[in-house]
Amino acid sequence: MKKHVKIFMDYWGYGEQDSILCIGCEKRVAVDIHHLSKRGMGSSKKKDTPENLVALCRGCHTFAEHNKEFNKIITERLNERITRRIYG
């Protein structure tokens, strides 16, 4: 398992057997962990944080790679979920 996937899974309390709903469409099972802010050349580990990682289905992941507005929407959804997790 890649390090950023493990960071995501541990933060949200998921196990390898769990099905995770895509944060983008909220309909399909997520198959990818997407970096909202790209890691860049050399794959910087500084971007492997829960605030930068979201679970997406393949279609939403492809869309997120090319659409800044969609990335803003999923960033807002992620921030809401993190706030709920922290403050209940």
PDB file of N, CA and C in Angstrom:
ATOM      1  N   MET A   1       0.858  -1.180   0.000  1.00  0.00           N
ATOM      2  CA  MET A   1       0.000   0.000   0.000  1.00  0.00           C
ATOM      3  C   MET A   1       0.901   1.240   0.000  1.00  0.00           C
ATOM      4  N   LYS A   2       0.578   2.190  -0.863  1.00  0.00           N
ATOM      5  CA  LYS A   2       1.357   3.420  -0.935  1.00  0.00           C
ATOM      6  C   LYS A   2       1.191   4.227   0.350  1.00  0.00           C
ATOM      7  N   LYS A   3       2.227   4.985   0.677  1.00  0.00           N
ATOM      8  CA  LYS A   3       2.234   5.726   1.937  1.00  0.00           C
ATOM      9  C   LYS A   3       1.052   6.694   2.041  1.00  0.00           C
ATOM     10  N   HIS A   4       0.749   7.432   0.975  1.00  0.00           N
ATOM     11  CA  HIS A   4      -0.343   8.402   1.056  1.00  0.00           C
ATOM     12  C   HIS A   4      -1.695   7.710   1.226  1.00  0.00           C
ATOM     13  N   VAL A   5      -1.846   6.513   0.670  1.00  0.00           N
ATOM     14  CA  VAL A   5      -3.086   5.751   0.852  1.00  0.00           C
ATOM     15  C   VAL A   5      -3.209   5.318   2.311  1.00  0.00           C
ATOM     16  N   LYS A   6      -2.111   4.865   2.898  1.00  0.00           N
ATOM     17  CA  LYS A   6      -2.111   4.466   4.306  1.00  0.00           C
ATOM     18  C   LYS A   6      -2.434   5.656   5.210  1.00  0.00           C
ATOM     19  N   ILE A   7      -1.882   6.806   4.914  1.00  0.00           N
ATOM     20  CA  ILE A   7      -2.175   8.021   5.694  1.00  0.00           C
ATOM     21  C   ILE A   7      -3.667   8.319   5.641  1.00  0.00           C
ATOM     22  N   PHE A   8      -4.251   8.264   4.442  1.00  0.00           N
ATOM     23  CA  PHE A   8      -5.680   8.507   4.275  1.00  0.00           C
ATOM     24  C   PHE A   8      -6.511   7.492   5.063  1.00  0.00           C
ATOM     25  N   MET A   9      -6.196   6.217   4.882  1.00  0.00           N
ATOM     26  CA  MET A   9      -6.961   5.143   5.532  1.00  0.00           C
ATOM     27  C   MET A   9      -6.879   5.245   7.053  1.00  0.00           C
ATOM     28  N   ASP A  10      -5.686   5.495   7.569  1.00  0.00           N
ATOM     29  CA  ASP A  10      -5.505   5.602   9.018  1.00  0.00           C
ATOM     30  C   ASP A  10      -6.259   6.805   9.586  1.00  0.00           C
ATOM     31  N   TYR A  11      -6.191   7.940   8.920  1.00  0.00           N
ATOM     32  CA  TYR A  11      -6.848   9.151   9.417  1.00  0.00           C
ATOM     33  C   TYR A  11      -8.357   8.953   9.540  1.00  0.00           C
ATOM     34  N   TRP A  12      -8.950   8.337   8.521  1.00  0.00           N
ATOM     35  CA  TRP A  12     -10.403   8.169   8.500  1.00  0.00           C
ATOM     36  C   TRP A  12     -10.862   6.855   9.127  1.00  0.00           C
ATOM     37  N   GLY A  13      -9.931   6.020   9.540  1.00  0.00           N
ATOM     38  CA  GLY A  13     -10.277   4.782  10.228  1.00  0.00           C
ATOM     39  C   GLY A  13     -10.781   3.672   9.319  1.00  0.00           C
ATOM     40  N   TYR A  14     -10.340   3.683   8.072  1.00  0.00           N
ATOM     41  CA  TYR A  14     -10.751   2.644   7.129  1.00  0.00           C
ATOM     42  C   TYR A  14      -9.779   1.478   7.172  1.00  0.00           C
ATOM     43  N   GLY A  15     -10.299   0.285   6.895  1.00  0.00           N
ATOM     44  CA  GLY A  15      -9.476  -0.894   6.715  1.00  0.00           C
ATOM     45  C   GLY A  15      -9.429  -1.240   5.243  1.00  0.00           C
ATOM     46  N   GLU A  16      -8.518  -2.125   4.889  1.00  0.00           N
ATOM     47  CA  GLU A  16      -8.367  -2.504   3.476  1.00  0.00           C
ATOM     48  C   GLU A  16      -9.635  -3.127   2.897  1.00  0.00           C
ATOM     49  N   GLN A  17     -10.457  -3.728   3.729  1.00  0.00           N
ATOM     50  CA  GLN A  17     -11.680  -4.397   3.259  1.00  0.00           C
ATOM     51  C   GLN A  17     -12.850  -3.430   3.079  1.00  0.00           C
ATOM     52  N   ASP A  18     -12.718  -2.200   3.572  1.00  0.00           N
ATOM     53  CA  ASP A  18     -13.822  -1.242   3.521  1.00  0.00           C
ATOM     54  C   ASP A  18     -14.042  -0.677   2.117  1.00  0.00           C
ATOM     55  N   SER A  19     -15.308  -0.438   1.783  1.00  0.00           N
ATOM     56  CA  SER A  19     -15.663   0.285   0.567  1.00  0.00           C
ATOM     57  C   SER A  19     -15.826   1.753   0.952  1.00  0.00           C
ATOM     58  N   ILE A  20     -15.183   2.619   0.201  1.00  0.00           N
ATOM     59  CA  ILE A  20     -15.204   4.047   0.496  1.00  0.00           C
ATOM     60  C   ILE A  20     -15.973   4.742  -0.614  1.00  0.00           C
ATOM     61  N   LEU A  21     -16.916   5.578  -0.229  1.00  0.00           N
ATOM     62  CA  LEU A  21     -17.716   6.316  -1.202  1.00  0.00           C
ATOM     63  C   LEU A  21     -16.913   7.489  -1.762  1.00  0.00           C
ATOM     64  N   CYS A  22     -16.998   7.694  -3.047  1.00  0.00           N
ATOM     65  CA  CYS A  22     -16.328   8.800  -3.729  1.00  0.00           C
ATOM     66  C   CYS A  22     -16.833  10.131  -3.174  1.00  0.00           C
ATOM     67  N   ILE A  23     -15.922  11.025  -2.818  1.00  0.00           N
ATOM     68  CA  ILE A  23     -16.310  12.327  -2.299  1.00  0.00           C
ATOM     69  C   ILE A  23     -16.775  13.260  -3.433  1.00  0.00           C
ATOM     70  N   GLY A  24     -16.438  12.900  -4.660  1.00  0.00           N
ATOM     71  CA  GLY A  24     -16.819  13.739  -5.801  1.00  0.00           C
ATOM     72  C   GLY A  24     -18.275  13.556  -6.198  1.00  0.00           C
ATOM     73  N   CYS A  25     -18.639  12.355  -6.620  1.00  0.00           N
ATOM     74  CA  CYS A  25     -20.009  12.094  -7.086  1.00  0.00           C
ATOM     75  C   CYS A  25     -20.901  11.585  -5.959  1.00  0.00           C
ATOM     76  N   GLU A  26     -20.289  11.095  -4.902  1.00  0.00           N
ATOM     77  CA  GLU A  26     -21.008  10.546  -3.752  1.00  0.00           C
ATOM     78  C   GLU A  26     -21.957   9.408  -4.150  1.00  0.00           C
ATOM     79  N   LYS A  27     -21.592   8.668  -5.216  1.00  0.00           N
ATOM     80  CA  LYS A  27     -22.421   7.560  -5.709  1.00  0.00           C
ATOM     81  C   LYS A  27     -21.624   6.282  -5.893  1.00  0.00           C
ATOM     82  N   ARG A  28     -20.421   6.404  -6.439  1.00  0.00           N
ATOM     83  CA  ARG A  28     -19.627   5.217  -6.773  1.00  0.00           C
ATOM     84  C   ARG A  28     -18.563   4.960  -5.706  1.00  0.00           C
ATOM     85  N   VAL A  29     -18.046   3.748  -5.732  1.00  0.00           N
ATOM     86  CA  VAL A  29     -16.974   3.373  -4.812  1.00  0.00           C
ATOM     87  C   VAL A  29     -15.674   4.025  -5.275  1.00  0.00           C
ATOM     88  N   ALA A  30     -14.955   4.615  -4.334  1.00  0.00           N
ATOM     89  CA  ALA A  30     -13.671   5.245  -4.633  1.00  0.00           C
ATOM     90  C   ALA A  30     -12.621   4.165  -4.890  1.00  0.00           C
ATOM     91  N   VAL A  31     -11.805   4.392  -5.893  1.00  0.00           N
ATOM     92  CA  VAL A  31     -10.723   3.461  -6.212  1.00  0.00           C
ATOM     93  C   VAL A  31      -9.360   4.151  -6.191  1.00  0.00           C
ATOM     94  N   ASP A  32      -9.351   5.466  -6.082  1.00  0.00           N
ATOM     95  CA  ASP A  32      -8.107   6.231  -6.085  1.00  0.00           C
ATOM     96  C   ASP A  32      -8.090   7.217  -4.930  1.00  0.00           C
ATOM     97  N   ILE A  33      -6.891   7.486  -4.402  1.00  0.00           N
ATOM     98  CA  ILE A  33      -6.701   8.560  -3.442  1.00  0.00           C
ATOM     99  C   ILE A  33      -6.003   9.688  -4.189  1.00  0.00           C
ATOM    100  N   HIS A  34      -6.690  10.806  -4.310  1.00  0.00           N
ATOM    101  CA  HIS A  34      -6.250  11.945  -5.111  1.00  0.00           C
ATOM    102  C   HIS A  34      -5.597  13.002  -4.227  1.00  0.00           C
ATOM    103  N   HIS A  35      -4.496  13.572  -4.704  1.00  0.00           N
ATOM    104  CA  HIS A  35      -3.865  14.717  -4.053  1.00  0.00           C
ATOM    105  C   HIS A  35      -4.512  15.980  -4.622  1.00  0.00           C
ATOM    106  N   LEU A  36      -5.155  16.767  -3.771  1.00  0.00           N
ATOM    107  CA  LEU A  36      -5.779  18.011  -4.222  1.00  0.00           C
ATOM    108  C   LEU A  36      -4.726  18.993  -4.720  1.00  0.00           C
ATOM    109  N   SER A  37      -3.648  19.101  -3.983  1.00  0.00           N
ATOM    110  CA  SER A  37      -2.501  19.900  -4.398  1.00  0.00           C
ATOM    111  C   SER A  37      -1.438  18.910  -4.862  1.00  0.00           C
ATOM    112  N   LYS A  38      -1.077  18.997  -6.114  1.00  0.00           N
ATOM    113  CA  LYS A  38      -0.171  18.010  -6.698  1.00  0.00           C
ATOM    114  C   LYS A  38       1.157  17.953  -5.954  1.00  0.00           C
ATOM    115  N   ARG A  39       1.717  16.758  -5.896  1.00  0.00           N
ATOM    116  CA  ARG A  39       2.993  16.556  -5.218  1.00  0.00           C
ATOM    117  C   ARG A  39       4.165  17.116  -5.997  1.00  0.00           C
ATOM    118  N   GLY A  40       4.023  17.247  -7.293  1.00  0.00           N
ATOM    119  CA  GLY A  40       5.079  17.826  -8.118  1.00  0.00           C
ATOM    120  C   GLY A  40       6.208  16.855  -8.420  1.00  0.00           C
ATOM    121  N   MET A  41       7.228  17.382  -9.012  1.00  0.00           N
ATOM    122  CA  MET A  41       8.393  16.572  -9.389  1.00  0.00           C
ATOM    123  C   MET A  41       9.045  16.008  -8.135  1.00  0.00           C
ATOM    124  N   GLY A  42       9.410  14.756  -8.203  1.00  0.00           N
ATOM    125  CA  GLY A  42      10.055  14.111  -7.074  1.00  0.00           C
ATOM    126  C   GLY A  42       9.076  13.583  -6.049  1.00  0.00           C
ATOM    127  N   SER A  43       7.778  13.742  -6.297  1.00  0.00           N
ATOM    128  CA  SER A  43       6.726  13.224  -5.416  1.00  0.00           C
ATOM    129  C   SER A  43       6.936  13.593  -3.950  1.00  0.00           C
ATOM    130  N   SER A  44       6.911  14.874  -3.660  1.00  0.00           N
ATOM    131  CA  SER A  44       7.122  15.378  -2.302  1.00  0.00           C
ATOM    132  C   SER A  44       6.168  14.724  -1.308  1.00  0.00           C
ATOM    133  N   LYS A  45       6.700  14.222  -0.209  1.00  0.00           N
ATOM    134  CA  LYS A  45       5.903  13.596   0.846  1.00  0.00           C
ATOM    135  C   LYS A  45       5.207  14.654   1.706  1.00  0.00           C
ATOM    136  N   LYS A  46       5.583  15.920   1.574  1.00  0.00           N
ATOM    137  CA  LYS A  46       4.963  16.995   2.352  1.00  0.00           C
ATOM    138  C   LYS A  46       3.495  17.184   1.990  1.00  0.00           C
ATOM    139  N   LYS A  47       3.092  16.693   0.839  1.00  0.00           N
ATOM    140  CA  LYS A  47       1.705  16.824   0.385  1.00  0.00           C
ATOM    141  C   LYS A  47       0.838  15.639   0.812  1.00  0.00           C
ATOM    142  N   ASP A  48       1.439  14.659   1.492  1.00  0.00           N
ATOM    143  CA  ASP A  48       0.712  13.471   1.941  1.00  0.00           C
ATOM    144  C   ASP A  48       0.092  13.723   3.314  1.00  0.00           C
ATOM    145  N   THR A  49      -0.931  14.595   3.335  1.00  0.00           N
ATOM    146  CA  THR A  49      -1.616  14.935   4.580  1.00  0.00           C
ATOM    147  C   THR A  49      -3.114  14.717   4.398  1.00  0.00           C
ATOM    148  N   PRO A  50      -3.838  14.435   5.478  1.00  0.00           N
ATOM    149  CA  PRO A  50      -5.291  14.231   5.350  1.00  0.00           C
ATOM    150  C   PRO A  50      -6.009  15.407   4.690  1.00  0.00           C
ATOM    151  N   GLU A  51      -5.497  16.617   4.875  1.00  0.00           N
ATOM    152  CA  GLU A  51      -6.124  17.809   4.297  1.00  0.00           C
ATOM    153  C   GLU A  51      -5.926  17.901   2.785  1.00  0.00           C
ATOM    154  N   ASN A  52      -5.062  17.049   2.238  1.00  0.00           N
ATOM    155  CA  ASN A  52      -4.752  17.090   0.812  1.00  0.00           C
ATOM    156  C   ASN A  52      -5.135  15.799   0.086  1.00  0.00           C
ATOM    157  N   LEU A  53      -5.742  14.867   0.797  1.00  0.00           N
ATOM    158  CA  LEU A  53      -6.047  13.561   0.208  1.00  0.00           C
ATOM    159  C   LEU A  53      -7.544  13.286   0.218  1.00  0.00           C
ATOM    160  N   VAL A  54      -8.085  12.904  -0.932  1.00  0.00           N
ATOM    161  CA  VAL A  54      -9.504  12.547  -1.031  1.00  0.00           C
ATOM    162  C   VAL A  54      -9.667  11.252  -1.815  1.00  0.00           C
ATOM    163  N   ALA A  55     -10.709  10.515  -1.462  1.00  0.00           N
ATOM    164  CA  ALA A  55     -11.031   9.267  -2.151  1.00  0.00           C
ATOM    165  C   ALA A  55     -11.983   9.573  -3.305  1.00  0.00           C
ATOM    166  N   LEU A  56     -11.607   9.128  -4.503  1.00  0.00           N
ATOM    167  CA  LEU A  56     -12.414   9.389  -5.695  1.00  0.00           C
ATOM    168  C   LEU A  56     -12.581   8.123  -6.525  1.00  0.00           C
ATOM    169  N   CYS A  57     -13.717   8.044  -7.220  1.00  0.00           N
ATOM    170  CA  CYS A  57     -13.893   6.991  -8.220  1.00  0.00           C
ATOM    171  C   CYS A  57     -13.016   7.362  -9.423  1.00  0.00           C
ATOM    172  N   ARG A  58     -12.853   6.451 -10.340  1.00  0.00           N
ATOM    173  CA  ARG A  58     -11.971   6.710 -11.480  1.00  0.00           C
ATOM    174  C   ARG A  58     -12.443   7.894 -12.321  1.00  0.00           C
ATOM    175  N   GLY A  59     -13.757   7.987 -12.562  1.00  0.00           N
ATOM    176  CA  GLY A  59     -14.279   9.092 -13.368  1.00  0.00           C
ATOM    177  C   GLY A  59     -14.036  10.444 -12.724  1.00  0.00           C
ATOM    178  N   CYS A  60     -14.305  10.550 -11.425  1.00  0.00           N
ATOM    179  CA  CYS A  60     -14.093  11.819 -10.718  1.00  0.00           C
ATOM    180  C   CYS A  60     -12.607  12.141 -10.608  1.00  0.00           C
ATOM    181  N   HIS A  61     -11.765  11.106 -10.477  1.00  0.00           N
ATOM    182  CA  HIS A  61     -10.327  11.345 -10.404  1.00  0.00           C
ATOM    183  C   HIS A  61      -9.818  11.938 -11.720  1.00  0.00           C
ATOM    184  N   THR A  62     -10.261  11.376 -12.822  1.00  0.00           N
ATOM    185  CA  THR A  62      -9.870  11.905 -14.131  1.00  0.00           C
ATOM    186  C   THR A  62     -10.357  13.336 -14.289  1.00  0.00           C
ATOM    187  N   PHE A  63     -11.589  13.605 -13.883  1.00  0.00           N
ATOM    188  CA  PHE A  63     -12.157  14.954 -13.974  1.00  0.00           C
ATOM    189  C   PHE A  63     -11.380  15.928 -13.087  1.00  0.00           C
ATOM    190  N   ALA A  64     -11.031  15.498 -11.875  1.00  0.00           N
ATOM    191  CA  ALA A  64     -10.305  16.358 -10.934  1.00  0.00           C
ATOM    192  C   ALA A  64      -8.913  16.721 -11.458  1.00  0.00           C
ATOM    193  N   GLU A  65      -8.313  15.823 -12.208  1.00  0.00           N
ATOM    194  CA  GLU A  65      -6.977  16.086 -12.762  1.00  0.00           C
ATOM    195  C   GLU A  65      -6.989  17.247 -13.752  1.00  0.00           C
ATOM    196  N   HIS A  66      -8.158  17.557 -14.313  1.00  0.00           N
ATOM    197  CA  HIS A  66      -8.221  18.555 -15.381  1.00  0.00           C
ATOM    198  C   HIS A  66      -9.161  19.725 -15.092  1.00  0.00           C
ATOM    199  N   ASN A  67      -9.782  19.764 -13.933  1.00  0.00           N
ATOM    200  CA  ASN A  67     -10.791  20.781 -13.676  1.00  0.00           C
ATOM    201  C   ASN A  67     -10.581  21.421 -12.292  1.00  0.00           C
ATOM    202  N   LYS A  68     -10.067  22.651 -12.285  1.00  0.00           N
ATOM    203  CA  LYS A  68      -9.773  23.358 -11.030  1.00  0.00           C
ATOM    204  C   LYS A  68     -11.029  23.637 -10.224  1.00  0.00           C
ATOM    205  N   GLU A  69     -12.140  23.917 -10.886  1.00  0.00           N
ATOM    206  CA  GLU A  69     -13.391  24.192 -10.169  1.00  0.00           C
ATOM    207  C   GLU A  69     -13.891  22.955  -9.430  1.00  0.00           C
ATOM    208  N   PHE A  70     -13.770  21.809 -10.053  1.00  0.00           N
ATOM    209  CA  PHE A  70     -14.166  20.564  -9.395  1.00  0.00           C
ATOM    210  C   PHE A  70     -13.278  20.306  -8.182  1.00  0.00           C
ATOM    211  N   ASN A  71     -11.984  20.591  -8.319  1.00  0.00           N
ATOM    212  CA  ASN A  71     -11.072  20.449  -7.184  1.00  0.00           C
ATOM    213  C   ASN A  71     -11.482  21.360  -6.033  1.00  0.00           C
ATOM    214  N   LYS A  72     -11.969  22.560  -6.343  1.00  0.00           N
ATOM    215  CA  LYS A  72     -12.442  23.471  -5.288  1.00  0.00           C
ATOM    216  C   LYS A  72     -13.654  22.874  -4.564  1.00  0.00           C
ATOM    217  N   ILE A  73     -14.555  22.274  -5.318  1.00  0.00           N
ATOM    218  CA  ILE A  73     -15.751  21.667  -4.728  1.00  0.00           C
ATOM    219  C   ILE A  73     -15.365  20.518  -3.802  1.00  0.00           C
ATOM    220  N   ILE A  74     -14.492  19.643  -4.257  1.00  0.00           N
ATOM    221  CA  ILE A  74     -14.132  18.515  -3.405  1.00  0.00           C
ATOM    222  C   ILE A  74     -13.265  18.952  -2.227  1.00  0.00           C
ATOM    223  N   THR A  75     -12.519  20.031  -2.386  1.00  0.00           N
ATOM    224  CA  THR A  75     -11.760  20.593  -1.257  1.00  0.00           C
ATOM    225  C   THR A  75     -12.716  21.090  -0.184  1.00  0.00           C
ATOM    226  N   GLU A  76     -13.778  21.781  -0.593  1.00  0.00           N
ATOM    227  CA  GLU A  76     -14.781  22.264   0.364  1.00  0.00           C
ATOM    228  C   GLU A  76     -15.452  21.093   1.079  1.00  0.00           C
ATOM    229  N   ARG A  77     -15.803  20.047   0.346  1.00  0.00           N
ATOM    230  CA  ARG A  77     -16.427  18.873   0.960  1.00  0.00           C
ATOM    231  C   ARG A  77     -15.473  18.216   1.963  1.00  0.00           C
ATOM    232  N   LEU A  78     -14.209  18.111   1.587  1.00  0.00           N
ATOM    233  CA  LEU A  78     -13.221  17.521   2.483  1.00  0.00           C
ATOM    234  C   LEU A  78     -13.083  18.361   3.751  1.00  0.00           C
ATOM    235  N   ASN A  79     -12.989  19.664   3.599  1.00  0.00           N
ATOM    236  CA  ASN A  79     -12.849  20.548   4.763  1.00  0.00           C
ATOM    237  C   ASN A  79     -14.048  20.428   5.703  1.00  0.00           C
ATOM    238  N   GLU A  80     -15.252  20.309   5.146  1.00  0.00           N
ATOM    239  CA  GLU A  80     -16.450  20.119   5.965  1.00  0.00           C
ATOM    240  C   GLU A  80     -16.370  18.815   6.747  1.00  0.00           C
ATOM    241  N   ARG A  81     -15.907  17.763   6.098  1.00  0.00           N
ATOM    242  CA  ARG A  81     -15.807  16.454   6.767  1.00  0.00           C
ATOM    243  C   ARG A  81     -14.744  16.464   7.866  1.00  0.00           C
ATOM    244  N   ILE A  82     -13.636  17.127   7.599  1.00  0.00           N
ATOM    245  CA  ILE A  82     -12.588  17.229   8.623  1.00  0.00           C
ATOM    246  C   ILE A  82     -13.088  18.023   9.811  1.00  0.00           C
ATOM    247  N   THR A  83     -13.811  19.117   9.553  1.00  0.00           N
ATOM    248  CA  THR A  83     -14.359  19.945  10.639  1.00  0.00           C
ATOM    249  C   THR A  83     -15.335  19.116  11.475  1.00  0.00           C
ATOM    250  N   ARG A  84     -16.228  18.367  10.818  1.00  0.00           N
ATOM    251  CA  ARG A  84     -17.176  17.505  11.547  1.00  0.00           C
ATOM    252  C   ARG A  84     -16.441  16.434  12.359  1.00  0.00           C
ATOM    253  N   ARG A  85     -15.360  15.916  11.789  1.00  0.00           N
ATOM    254  CA  ARG A  85     -14.599  14.877  12.494  1.00  0.00           C
ATOM    255  C   ARG A  85     -13.953  15.448  13.752  1.00  0.00           C
ATOM    256  N   ILE A  86     -13.426  16.652  13.649  1.00  0.00           N
ATOM    257  CA  ILE A  86     -12.728  17.268  14.772  1.00  0.00           C
ATOM    258  C   ILE A  86     -13.699  17.773  15.838  1.00  0.00           C
ATOM    259  N   TYR A  87     -14.760  18.449  15.402  1.00  0.00           N
ATOM    260  CA  TYR A  87     -15.655  19.124  16.355  1.00  0.00           C
ATOM    261  C   TYR A  87     -16.965  18.387  16.607  1.00  0.00           C
ATOM    262  N   GLY A  88     -17.182  17.288  15.877  1.00  0.00           N
ATOM    263  CA  GLY A  88     -18.383  16.484  16.097  1.00  0.00           C
ATOM    264  C   GLY A  88     -19.526  17.067  15.439  1.00  0.00           C
TER     265      GLY A  88
END
